PDB file of all heavy atoms in Angstrom:
ATOM      1  N   PRO A   1       0.826  -1.215   0.000  1.00  0.00           N
ATOM      2  CA  PRO A   1       0.000   0.000   0.000  1.00  0.00           C
ATOM      3  C   PRO A   1       0.850   1.250   0.000  1.00  0.00           C
ATOM      4  O   PRO A   1       1.929   1.280   0.583  1.00  0.00           O
ATOM      5  CB  PRO A   1      -0.792  -0.126   1.307  1.00  0.00           C
ATOM      6  CG  PRO A   1       0.116  -0.908   2.195  1.00  0.00           C
ATOM      7  CD  PRO A   1       0.841  -1.871   1.307  1.00  0.00           C
ATOM      8  N   ALA A   2       0.380   2.286  -0.659  1.00  0.00           N
ATOM      9  CA  ALA A   2       1.110   3.550  -0.705  1.00  0.00           C
ATOM     10  C   ALA A   2       0.727   4.412   0.493  1.00  0.00           C
ATOM     11  O   ALA A   2      -0.367   4.935   0.563  1.00  0.00           O
ATOM     12  CB  ALA A   2       0.792   4.281  -2.006  1.00  0.00           C
ATOM     13  N   PHE A   3       1.662   4.546   1.421  1.00  0.00           N
ATOM     14  CA  PHE A   3       1.432   5.369   2.596  1.00  0.00           C
ATOM     15  C   PHE A   3       2.029   6.774   2.434  1.00  0.00           C
ATOM     16  O   PHE A   3       2.020   7.561   3.358  1.00  0.00           O
ATOM     17  CB  PHE A   3       2.092   4.721   3.822  1.00  0.00           C
ATOM     18  CG  PHE A   3       1.368   3.517   4.349  1.00  0.00           C
ATOM     19  CD1 PHE A   3       2.065   2.388   4.738  1.00  0.00           C
ATOM     20  CD2 PHE A   3      -0.001   3.518   4.480  1.00  0.00           C
ATOM     21  CE1 PHE A   3       1.410   1.288   5.247  1.00  0.00           C
ATOM     22  CE2 PHE A   3      -0.675   2.418   4.989  1.00  0.00           C
ATOM     23  CZ  PHE A   3       0.036   1.295   5.376  1.00  0.00           C
ATOM     24  N   ALA A   4       2.567   7.070   1.250  1.00  0.00           N
ATOM     25  CA  ALA A   4       3.401   8.258   1.084  1.00  0.00           C
ATOM     26  C   ALA A   4       2.686   9.586   1.287  1.00  0.00           C
ATOM     27  O   ALA A   4       3.309  10.578   1.619  1.00  0.00           O
ATOM     28  CB  ALA A   4       4.032   8.228  -0.313  1.00  0.00           C
ATOM     29  N   ALA A   5       1.387   9.655   1.080  1.00  0.00           N
ATOM     30  CA  ALA A   5       0.696  10.940   1.116  1.00  0.00           C
ATOM     31  C   ALA A   5       0.588  11.543   2.510  1.00  0.00           C
ATOM     32  O   ALA A   5       0.319  12.726   2.665  1.00  0.00           O
ATOM     33  CB  ALA A   5      -0.705  10.780   0.529  1.00  0.00           C
ATOM     34  N   VAL A   6       0.794  10.745   3.533  1.00  0.00           N
ATOM     35  CA  VAL A   6       0.571  11.181   4.906  1.00  0.00           C
ATOM     36  C   VAL A   6       1.883  11.543   5.590  1.00  0.00           C
ATOM     37  O   VAL A   6       2.918  10.918   5.357  1.00  0.00           O
ATOM     38  CB  VAL A   6      -0.141  10.054   5.689  1.00  0.00           C
ATOM     39  CG1 VAL A   6      -0.326  10.428   7.155  1.00  0.00           C
ATOM     40  CG2 VAL A   6      -1.480   9.740   5.051  1.00  0.00           C
ATOM     41  N   ASP A   7       1.838  12.557   6.436  1.00  0.00           N
ATOM     42  CA  ASP A   7       3.010  12.915   7.246  1.00  0.00           C
ATOM     43  C   ASP A   7       3.068  11.971   8.439  1.00  0.00           C
ATOM     44  O   ASP A   7       2.715  12.328   9.561  1.00  0.00           O
ATOM     45  CB  ASP A   7       2.901  14.371   7.704  1.00  0.00           C
ATOM     46  CG  ASP A   7       4.110  14.821   8.517  1.00  0.00           C
ATOM     47  OD1 ASP A   7       5.090  14.044   8.598  1.00  0.00           O
ATOM     48  OD2 ASP A   7       4.074  15.927   9.074  1.00  0.00           O
ATOM     49  N   TRP A   8       3.500  10.742   8.186  1.00  0.00           N
ATOM     50  CA  TRP A   8       3.490   9.710   9.221  1.00  0.00           C
ATOM     51  C   TRP A   8       4.463  10.009  10.364  1.00  0.00           C
ATOM     52  O   TRP A   8       4.295   9.505  11.476  1.00  0.00           O
ATOM     53  CB  TRP A   8       3.830   8.352   8.607  1.00  0.00           C
ATOM     54  CG  TRP A   8       2.754   7.818   7.723  1.00  0.00           C
ATOM     55  CD1 TRP A   8       2.654   7.942   6.364  1.00  0.00           C
ATOM     56  CD2 TRP A   8       1.584   7.105   8.140  1.00  0.00           C
ATOM     57  NE1 TRP A   8       1.512   7.353   5.906  1.00  0.00           N
ATOM     58  CE2 TRP A   8       0.830   6.820   6.972  1.00  0.00           C
ATOM     59  CE3 TRP A   8       1.103   6.679   9.374  1.00  0.00           C
ATOM     60  CZ2 TRP A   8      -0.372   6.120   7.013  1.00  0.00           C
ATOM     61  CZ3 TRP A   8      -0.091   5.977   9.420  1.00  0.00           C
ATOM     62  CH2 TRP A   8      -0.820   5.712   8.258  1.00  0.00           C
ATOM     63  N   LYS A   9       5.496  10.808  10.096  1.00  0.00           N
ATOM     64  CA  LYS A   9       6.515  11.073  11.121  1.00  0.00           C
ATOM     65  C   LYS A   9       6.157  12.248  12.033  1.00  0.00           C
ATOM     66  O   LYS A   9       6.950  12.631  12.888  1.00  0.00           O
ATOM     67  CB  LYS A   9       7.855  11.361  10.441  1.00  0.00           C
ATOM     68  CG  LYS A   9       8.474  10.173   9.722  1.00  0.00           C
ATOM     69  CD  LYS A   9       8.909   9.097  10.709  1.00  0.00           C
ATOM     70  CE  LYS A   9       9.659   7.978  10.001  1.00  0.00           C
ATOM     71  NZ  LYS A   9      10.099   6.933  10.933  1.00  0.00           N
ATOM     72  N   LYS A  10       4.988  12.808  11.868  1.00  0.00           N
ATOM     73  CA  LYS A  10       4.623  14.008  12.620  1.00  0.00           C
ATOM     74  C   LYS A  10       4.733  13.829  14.129  1.00  0.00           C
ATOM     75  O   LYS A  10       5.078  14.768  14.861  1.00  0.00           O
ATOM     76  CB  LYS A  10       3.189  14.412  12.255  1.00  0.00           C
ATOM     77  CG  LYS A  10       2.722  15.694  12.924  1.00  0.00           C
ATOM     78  CD  LYS A  10       1.331  16.101  12.450  1.00  0.00           C
ATOM     79  CE  LYS A  10       0.865  17.402  13.098  1.00  0.00           C
ATOM     80  NZ  LYS A  10      -0.491  17.801  12.622  1.00  0.00           N
ATOM     81  N   HIS A  11       4.459  12.633  14.621  1.00  0.00           N
ATOM     82  CA  HIS A  11       4.479  12.401  16.061  1.00  0.00           C
ATOM     83  C   HIS A  11       5.556  11.392  16.473  1.00  0.00           C
ATOM     84  O   HIS A  11       5.393  10.665  17.454  1.00  0.00           O
ATOM     85  CB  HIS A  11       3.100  11.946  16.530  1.00  0.00           C
ATOM     86  CG  HIS A  11       2.042  12.988  16.356  1.00  0.00           C
ATOM     87  ND1 HIS A  11       1.910  14.067  17.199  1.00  0.00           N
ATOM     88  CD2 HIS A  11       1.085  13.140  15.396  1.00  0.00           C
ATOM     89  CE1 HIS A  11       0.910  14.832  16.793  1.00  0.00           C
ATOM     90  NE2 HIS A  11       0.391  14.295  15.690  1.00  0.00           N
ATOM     91  N   ALA A  12       6.649  11.379  15.702  1.00  0.00           N
ATOM     92  CA  ALA A  12       7.761  10.486  16.032  1.00  0.00           C
ATOM     93  C   ALA A  12       8.252  10.768  17.452  1.00  0.00           C
ATOM     94  O   ALA A  12       8.327  11.920  17.881  1.00  0.00           O
ATOM     95  CB  ALA A  12       8.901  10.676  15.026  1.00  0.00           C
ATOM     96  N   GLY A  13       8.552   9.700  18.162  1.00  0.00           N
ATOM     97  CA  GLY A  13       9.012   9.836  19.543  1.00  0.00           C
ATOM     98  C   GLY A  13       7.912   9.649  20.567  1.00  0.00           C
ATOM     99  O   GLY A  13       8.181   9.466  21.764  1.00  0.00           O
ATOM    100  N   THR A  14       6.672   9.682  20.109  1.00  0.00           N
ATOM    101  CA  THR A  14       5.528   9.462  21.004  1.00  0.00           C
ATOM    102  C   THR A  14       5.408   7.971  21.334  1.00  0.00           C
ATOM    103  O   THR A  14       5.777   7.119  20.532  1.00  0.00           O
ATOM    104  CB  THR A  14       4.222   9.928  20.321  1.00  0.00           C
ATOM    105  OG1 THR A  14       4.320  11.315  20.025  1.00  0.00           O
ATOM    106  CG2 THR A  14       3.011   9.673  21.197  1.00  0.00           C
ATOM    107  N   THR A  15       4.882   7.663  22.501  1.00  0.00           N
ATOM    108  CA  THR A  15       4.557   6.280  22.860  1.00  0.00           C
ATOM    109  C   THR A  15       3.055   6.170  23.053  1.00  0.00           C
ATOM    110  O   THR A  15       2.455   6.933  23.805  1.00  0.00           O
ATOM    111  CB  THR A  15       5.270   5.835  24.147  1.00  0.00           C
ATOM    112  OG1 THR A  15       6.689   5.857  23.932  1.00  0.00           O
ATOM    113  CG2 THR A  15       4.851   4.429  24.543  1.00  0.00           C
ATOM    114  N   LEU A  16       2.454   5.223  22.353  1.00  0.00           N
ATOM    115  CA  LEU A  16       1.017   4.975  22.462  1.00  0.00           C
ATOM    116  C   LEU A  16       0.751   3.730  23.294  1.00  0.00           C
ATOM    117  O   LEU A  16       1.416   2.707  23.134  1.00  0.00           O
ATOM    118  CB  LEU A  16       0.406   4.752  21.072  1.00  0.00           C
ATOM    119  CG  LEU A  16       0.179   5.962  20.169  1.00  0.00           C
ATOM    120  CD1 LEU A  16      -0.329   5.483  18.809  1.00  0.00           C
ATOM    121  CD2 LEU A  16      -0.830   6.925  20.794  1.00  0.00           C
ATOM    122  N   GLU A  17      -0.248   3.828  24.165  1.00  0.00           N
ATOM    123  CA  GLU A  17      -0.744   2.662  24.892  1.00  0.00           C
ATOM    124  C   GLU A  17      -1.972   2.162  24.139  1.00  0.00           C
ATOM    125  O   GLU A  17      -2.935   2.905  23.926  1.00  0.00           O
ATOM    126  CB  GLU A  17      -1.119   3.038  26.326  1.00  0.00           C
ATOM    127  CG  GLU A  17       0.044   3.574  27.155  1.00  0.00           C
ATOM    128  CD  GLU A  17       1.055   2.502  27.517  1.00  0.00           C
ATOM    129  OE1 GLU A  17       0.682   1.305  27.476  1.00  0.00           O
ATOM    130  OE2 GLU A  17       2.214   2.856  27.834  1.00  0.00           O
ATOM    131  N   VAL A  18      -1.935   0.898  23.738  1.00  0.00           N
ATOM    132  CA  VAL A  18      -2.995   0.330  22.910  1.00  0.00           C
ATOM    133  C   VAL A  18      -3.595  -0.890  23.604  1.00  0.00           C
ATOM    134  O   VAL A  18      -2.871  -1.785  24.036  1.00  0.00           O
ATOM    135  CB  VAL A  18      -2.452  -0.075  21.524  1.00  0.00           C
ATOM    136  CG1 VAL A  18      -3.550  -0.691  20.668  1.00  0.00           C
ATOM    137  CG2 VAL A  18      -1.844   1.142  20.815  1.00  0.00           C
ATOM    138  N   ASN A  19      -4.925  -0.913  23.693  1.00  0.00           N
ATOM    139  CA  ASN A  19      -5.630  -2.024  24.334  1.00  0.00           C
ATOM    140  C   ASN A  19      -6.370  -2.827  23.269  1.00  0.00           C
ATOM    141  O   ASN A  19      -7.246  -2.299  22.580  1.00  0.00           O
ATOM    142  CB  ASN A  19      -6.622  -1.473  25.372  1.00  0.00           C
ATOM    143  CG  ASN A  19      -7.250  -2.560  26.210  1.00  0.00           C
ATOM    144  OD1 ASN A  19      -8.016  -3.367  25.699  1.00  0.00           O
ATOM    145  ND2 ASN A  19      -6.943  -2.570  27.489  1.00  0.00           N
ATOM    146  N   LEU A  20      -6.014  -4.107  23.122  1.00  0.00           N
ATOM    147  CA  LEU A  20      -6.536  -4.947  22.049  1.00  0.00           C
ATOM    148  C   LEU A  20      -7.265  -6.178  22.587  1.00  0.00           C
ATOM    149  O   LEU A  20      -6.976  -6.655  23.687  1.00  0.00           O
ATOM    150  CB  LEU A  20      -5.393  -5.407  21.143  1.00  0.00           C
ATOM    151  CG  LEU A  20      -4.574  -4.313  20.452  1.00  0.00           C
ATOM    152  CD1 LEU A  20      -3.330  -4.914  19.797  1.00  0.00           C
ATOM    153  CD2 LEU A  20      -5.422  -3.583  19.423  1.00  0.00           C
ATOM    154  N   ILE A  21      -8.191  -6.695  21.779  1.00  0.00           N
ATOM    155  CA  ILE A  21      -8.912  -7.927  22.107  1.00  0.00           C
ATOM    156  C   ILE A  21      -8.113  -9.111  21.597  1.00  0.00           C
ATOM    157  O   ILE A  21      -7.675  -9.148  20.441  1.00  0.00           O
ATOM    158  CB  ILE A  21     -10.299  -7.936  21.449  1.00  0.00           C
ATOM    159  CG1 ILE A  21     -11.142  -6.751  21.943  1.00  0.00           C
ATOM    160  CG2 ILE A  21     -11.024  -9.255  21.727  1.00  0.00           C
ATOM    161  CD1 ILE A  21     -12.434  -6.560  21.164  1.00  0.00           C
ATOM    162  N   LYS A  22      -7.898 -10.100  22.457  1.00  0.00           N
ATOM    163  CA  LYS A  22      -7.194 -11.309  22.067  1.00  0.00           C
ATOM    164  C   LYS A  22      -7.968 -12.041  20.978  1.00  0.00           C
ATOM    165  O   LYS A  22      -9.170 -12.296  21.105  1.00  0.00           O
ATOM    166  CB  LYS A  22      -7.029 -12.225  23.284  1.00  0.00           C
ATOM    167  CG  LYS A  22      -6.325 -13.546  23.004  1.00  0.00           C
ATOM    168  CD  LYS A  22      -4.868 -13.322  22.706  1.00  0.00           C
ATOM    169  CE  LYS A  22      -4.150 -14.667  22.498  1.00  0.00           C
ATOM    170  NZ  LYS A  22      -2.764 -14.454  22.013  1.00  0.00           N
ATOM    171  N   GLY A  23      -7.300 -12.385  19.892  1.00  0.00           N
ATOM    172  CA  GLY A  23      -7.931 -13.038  18.760  1.00  0.00           C
ATOM    173  C   GLY A  23      -7.143 -12.717  17.501  1.00  0.00           C
ATOM    174  O   GLY A  23      -6.120 -12.016  17.561  1.00  0.00           O
ATOM    175  N   PRO A  24      -7.578 -13.196  16.338  1.00  0.00           N
ATOM    176  CA  PRO A  24      -6.810 -12.976  15.108  1.00  0.00           C
ATOM    177  C   PRO A  24      -6.534 -11.504  14.812  1.00  0.00           C
ATOM    178  O   PRO A  24      -5.445 -11.154  14.366  1.00  0.00           O
ATOM    179  CB  PRO A  24      -7.700 -13.605  14.025  1.00  0.00           C
ATOM    180  CG  PRO A  24      -8.499 -14.622  14.746  1.00  0.00           C
ATOM    181  CD  PRO A  24      -8.755 -14.054  16.109  1.00  0.00           C
ATOM    182  N   ARG A  25      -7.529 -10.614  15.056  1.00  0.00           N
ATOM    183  CA  ARG A  25      -7.345  -9.198  14.740  1.00  0.00           C
ATOM    184  C   ARG A  25      -6.357  -8.543  15.699  1.00  0.00           C
ATOM    185  O   ARG A  25      -5.392  -7.901  15.292  1.00  0.00           O
ATOM    186  CB  ARG A  25      -8.688  -8.456  14.787  1.00  0.00           C
ATOM    187  CG  ARG A  25      -9.521  -8.619  13.561  1.00  0.00           C
ATOM    188  CD  ARG A  25     -10.390  -9.835  13.577  1.00  0.00           C
ATOM    189  NE  ARG A  25     -11.562  -9.688  14.440  1.00  0.00           N
ATOM    190  CZ  ARG A  25     -12.439 -10.680  14.652  1.00  0.00           C
ATOM    191  NH1 ARG A  25     -12.265 -11.866  14.100  1.00  0.00           N
ATOM    192  NH2 ARG A  25     -13.487 -10.491  15.437  1.00  0.00           N
ATOM    193  N   GLY A  26      -6.611  -8.723  16.997  1.00  0.00           N
ATOM    194  CA  GLY A  26      -5.725  -8.132  17.982  1.00  0.00           C
ATOM    195  C   GLY A  26      -4.319  -8.691  17.902  1.00  0.00           C
ATOM    196  O   GLY A  26      -3.329  -7.959  18.015  1.00  0.00           O
ATOM    197  N   ASP A  27      -4.210  -9.989  17.680  1.00  0.00           N
ATOM    198  CA  ASP A  27      -2.890 -10.617  17.594  1.00  0.00           C
ATOM    199  C   ASP A  27      -2.102 -10.097  16.393  1.00  0.00           C
ATOM    200  O   ASP A  27      -0.884  -9.884  16.477  1.00  0.00           O
ATOM    201  CB  ASP A  27      -3.028 -12.139  17.496  1.00  0.00           C
ATOM    202  CG  ASP A  27      -3.517 -12.775  18.786  1.00  0.00           C
ATOM    203  OD1 ASP A  27      -3.524 -12.079  19.828  1.00  0.00           O
ATOM    204  OD2 ASP A  27      -3.904 -13.958  18.749  1.00  0.00           O
ATOM    205  N   LEU A  28      -2.785  -9.895  15.272  1.00  0.00           N
ATOM    206  CA  LEU A  28      -2.111  -9.377  14.077  1.00  0.00           C
ATOM    207  C   LEU A  28      -1.551  -7.983  14.336  1.00  0.00           C
ATOM    208  O   LEU A  28      -0.397  -7.689  13.997  1.00  0.00           O
ATOM    209  CB  LEU A  28      -3.079  -9.349  12.895  1.00  0.00           C
ATOM    210  CG  LEU A  28      -2.549  -8.697  11.614  1.00  0.00           C
ATOM    211  CD1 LEU A  28      -1.373  -9.478  11.053  1.00  0.00           C
ATOM    212  CD2 LEU A  28      -3.659  -8.577  10.562  1.00  0.00           C
ATOM    213  N   LEU A  29      -2.345  -7.112  14.947  1.00  0.00           N
ATOM    214  CA  LEU A  29      -1.882  -5.758  15.238  1.00  0.00           C
ATOM    215  C   LEU A  29      -0.728  -5.785  16.230  1.00  0.00           C
ATOM    216  O   LEU A  29       0.244  -5.034  16.096  1.00  0.00           O
ATOM    217  CB  LEU A  29      -3.036  -4.922  15.795  1.00  0.00           C
ATOM    218  CG  LEU A  29      -4.197  -4.662  14.831  1.00  0.00           C
ATOM    219  CD1 LEU A  29      -5.314  -3.897  15.536  1.00  0.00           C
ATOM    220  CD2 LEU A  29      -3.733  -3.897  13.600  1.00  0.00           C
ATOM    221  N   HIS A  30      -0.831  -6.652  17.219  1.00  0.00           N
ATOM    222  CA  HIS A  30       0.229  -6.770  18.220  1.00  0.00           C
ATOM    223  C   HIS A  30       1.539  -7.238  17.578  1.00  0.00           C
ATOM    224  O   HIS A  30       2.604  -6.648  17.820  1.00  0.00           O
ATOM    225  CB  HIS A  30      -0.220  -7.758  19.299  1.00  0.00           C
ATOM    226  CG  HIS A  30       0.762  -7.980  20.388  1.00  0.00           C
ATOM    227  ND1 HIS A  30       1.079  -7.013  21.326  1.00  0.00           N
ATOM    228  CD2 HIS A  30       1.521  -9.059  20.712  1.00  0.00           C
ATOM    229  CE1 HIS A  30       1.973  -7.488  22.174  1.00  0.00           C
ATOM    230  NE2 HIS A  30       2.256  -8.734  21.820  1.00  0.00           N
ATOM    231  N   ARG A  31       1.461  -8.263  16.751  1.00  0.00           N
ATOM    232  CA  ARG A  31       2.661  -8.813  16.102  1.00  0.00           C
ATOM    233  C   ARG A  31       3.309  -7.810  15.157  1.00  0.00           C
ATOM    234  O   ARG A  31       4.527  -7.824  14.962  1.00  0.00           O
ATOM    235  CB  ARG A  31       2.307 -10.069  15.293  1.00  0.00           C
ATOM    236  CG  ARG A  31       2.024 -11.294  16.083  1.00  0.00           C
ATOM    237  CD  ARG A  31       2.069 -12.538  15.179  1.00  0.00           C
ATOM    238  NE  ARG A  31       1.279 -12.391  13.972  1.00  0.00           N
ATOM    239  CZ  ARG A  31       0.015 -12.740  13.861  1.00  0.00           C
ATOM    240  NH1 ARG A  31      -0.628 -13.226  14.910  1.00  0.00           N
ATOM    241  NH2 ARG A  31      -0.634 -12.597  12.714  1.00  0.00           N
ATOM    242  N   SER A  32       2.498  -6.961  14.540  1.00  0.00           N
ATOM    243  CA  SER A  32       2.988  -6.061  13.492  1.00  0.00           C
ATOM    244  C   SER A  32       3.349  -4.676  14.004  1.00  0.00           C
ATOM    245  O   SER A  32       3.672  -3.789  13.209  1.00  0.00           O
ATOM    246  CB  SER A  32       1.929  -5.933  12.389  1.00  0.00           C
ATOM    247  OG  SER A  32       1.524  -7.189  11.911  1.00  0.00           O
ATOM    248  N   ALA A  33       3.324  -4.473  15.308  1.00  0.00           N
ATOM    249  CA  ALA A  33       3.551  -3.135  15.876  1.00  0.00           C
ATOM    250  C   ALA A  33       4.891  -2.545  15.474  1.00  0.00           C
ATOM    251  O   ALA A  33       5.017  -1.327  15.315  1.00  0.00           O
ATOM    252  CB  ALA A  33       3.425  -3.185  17.390  1.00  0.00           C
ATOM    253  N   ALA A  34       5.914  -3.391  15.316  1.00  0.00           N
ATOM    254  CA  ALA A  34       7.232  -2.888  14.930  1.00  0.00           C
ATOM    255  C   ALA A  34       7.189  -2.187  13.578  1.00  0.00           C
ATOM    256  O   ALA A  34       7.918  -1.219  13.339  1.00  0.00           O
ATOM    257  CB  ALA A  34       8.247  -4.028  14.894  1.00  0.00           C
ATOM    258  N   GLU A  35       6.325  -2.647  12.685  1.00  0.00           N
ATOM    259  CA  GLU A  35       6.209  -2.018  11.373  1.00  0.00           C
ATOM    260  C   GLU A  35       5.586  -0.627  11.496  1.00  0.00           C
ATOM    261  O   GLU A  35       5.980   0.298  10.776  1.00  0.00           O
ATOM    262  CB  GLU A  35       5.373  -2.895  10.439  1.00  0.00           C
ATOM    263  CG  GLU A  35       6.021  -4.231  10.138  1.00  0.00           C
ATOM    264  CD  GLU A  35       5.183  -5.077   9.202  1.00  0.00           C
ATOM    265  OE1 GLU A  35       4.252  -4.525   8.572  1.00  0.00           O
ATOM    266  OE2 GLU A  35       5.446  -6.285   9.101  1.00  0.00           O
ATOM    267  N   PHE A  36       4.596  -0.502  12.375  1.00  0.00           N
ATOM    268  CA  PHE A  36       4.004   0.818  12.599  1.00  0.00           C
ATOM    269  C   PHE A  36       5.049   1.772  13.174  1.00  0.00           C
ATOM    270  O   PHE A  36       5.118   2.943  12.775  1.00  0.00           O
ATOM    271  CB  PHE A  36       2.814   0.700  13.551  1.00  0.00           C
ATOM    272  CG  PHE A  36       2.200   2.033  13.902  1.00  0.00           C
ATOM    273  CD1 PHE A  36       1.432   2.732  12.980  1.00  0.00           C
ATOM    274  CD2 PHE A  36       2.413   2.600  15.151  1.00  0.00           C
ATOM    275  CE1 PHE A  36       0.878   3.970  13.293  1.00  0.00           C
ATOM    276  CE2 PHE A  36       1.862   3.833  15.481  1.00  0.00           C
ATOM    277  CZ  PHE A  36       1.096   4.519  14.545  1.00  0.00           C
ATOM    278  N   THR A  37       5.873   1.290  14.068  1.00  0.00           N
ATOM    279  CA  THR A  37       6.929   2.130  14.646  1.00  0.00           C
ATOM    280  C   THR A  37       7.917   2.547  13.572  1.00  0.00           C
ATOM    281  O   THR A  37       8.364   3.704  13.530  1.00  0.00           O
ATOM    282  CB  THR A  37       7.654   1.375  15.774  1.00  0.00           C
ATOM    283  OG1 THR A  37       6.701   1.064  16.805  1.00  0.00           O
ATOM    284  CG2 THR A  37       8.764   2.218  16.368  1.00  0.00           C
TER     285      THR A  37
END
């Protein structure tokens, strides 16, 4: 996917606390968090 249009680095250095539901959706987001970072 092309993410280029967005200023994704605008909040670099911030730490987010994320609360997820255990299951395929939550597990996928949890496993992939390094990519979001």
